[in-house]
Amino acid sequence: MADSVNKEKERSFEEENLYRQLARHLDRQPGGFPETPHGVEIRILKLLFAPEEAALALHLNFLEERAEVLAFRAGMSGEKAAGMLESMASKGLIFRSVKKDGIPRYMAAQFIVGIWELQVGRLSPELVEAMESYVPWLVDAGAWQKAPQMRVIPVAESIDADLRVMTYEKAFALIENKKNFVVAPCICRLEMGMQQAACDRPLETCINFGEADDFYRWTGAGRKASREEVEEILRSASRAGLVLQPSNDREVKWICCCCGCCCGLLRTFRQLGNPGEVVASPFYARLDDSLCTGCGICLRRCPMEAFSKEKKTVIIKKKRCIGCGLCVDTCPASALYLVRKDAPPPVPSHIAFAMLKLAWKRKKLDLPGFMRMMGASLMDRLRAKLF
């Protein structure tokens, strides 16, 4: 009896240690997975990963690798590894891509933006409760300010003819050359809905392109959509008071249409005194006092509480404005307009550069470390062929 109790304690200790290793592994990904005093992050991992899946996930990194390489690294058969990797990818726990040779390759997924957004069909009350406790710890505002994963662009209706706007700052221009589209439910609104705290805004507002499009469809997290549907989602964003947040790259991999009441990112930024300086946006709103009638629509529309009312007019707190344009397009007096920042934040050409920069700013990866990772991956590929 004592032996069985001791074995159970030992097994429990080993399992707890395994999940803590996985938490540290995820924290080394660009977006991070910070430790909390109450350990809620471990509870989240236990709800998402089986112990065997957690052990295998430790062997994945930023690089796309075939199943036999990961099997060699993990010390298991190729057949078993391939089956587990496919299962884990189908649950959104890791990323999977298929090249022209038809062979799947796998890489680690960061928690945000990544694993969590792919849980749209797997949410449980327990998981949602744990995630809600974790949100305040999840976003490193300092690192995000230096290397954001996402940026804010204005709704189309807020852009006037005199405003200098780059192609990659216009929602409709971003999708112009895209051929395939997948739309998915907003994980944040689903999460809040399970807590009876969701708003009444549209649910299918996450738009994905390219490899993200293929993966979302393959996992069942999203559905194929037509160009016309996507254009209507973008048009309706203004009516619904949604902030447009594309990936922080010029090629753009996704566009999220976010509300200030449900979106974990926007809720976190709203708690700051200076969200306008943290969120990556090339614009801010300006008010023409002589035209303002003090109607107060902008106060209700602003997701960052950047407006306050004083007598018959309003005041903009520039440090709080994220340049989304939601106040501009509904101002009945045309008293609000967008202004381009003197030094708008740069937008990387590819999302990989944004991710690597974020990992570097968080002190989780530097160039020598990345080169070592590539070298180790190359050696494992050679060894996997030999053995």
Foldseek 3Di string as FASTA:
>chain_A
DVVVVVVVVVVVVVLLVLLVLLQVLLQLFLQGRDADPVRLSSVLCVLQDDSVLSLLLSQFAPDWAAQLLSCLVSVHDSVVSVVSQVVCLLLQQWPWDADPVRGITTHGAHVPPTSLLSCQPPDDLVNLVSVVVCLLVRGDLVLCLVFNFKAFAAQPLQDDPPADDDLLRYPVSLCVPFDWKWWAFGSQQVSCVVVVRHDPADGGFKIFGDRVRVSCVSSVRTGTDDPVVNVVSSNCLLVRLWIWMFGQASNTGIIGTHALRRDSVNVNLLVDPQSLSRHQDQKFKDFDFVQFQQPCPLCVSDSNNQWDDDPRGIDGNRSRTRHHSSSQSPRPSNGMHMHGDPDGDDGHNDSVVSRVSSSVSVVSDDPVRVVVVVVVSVVSVVVSVVD
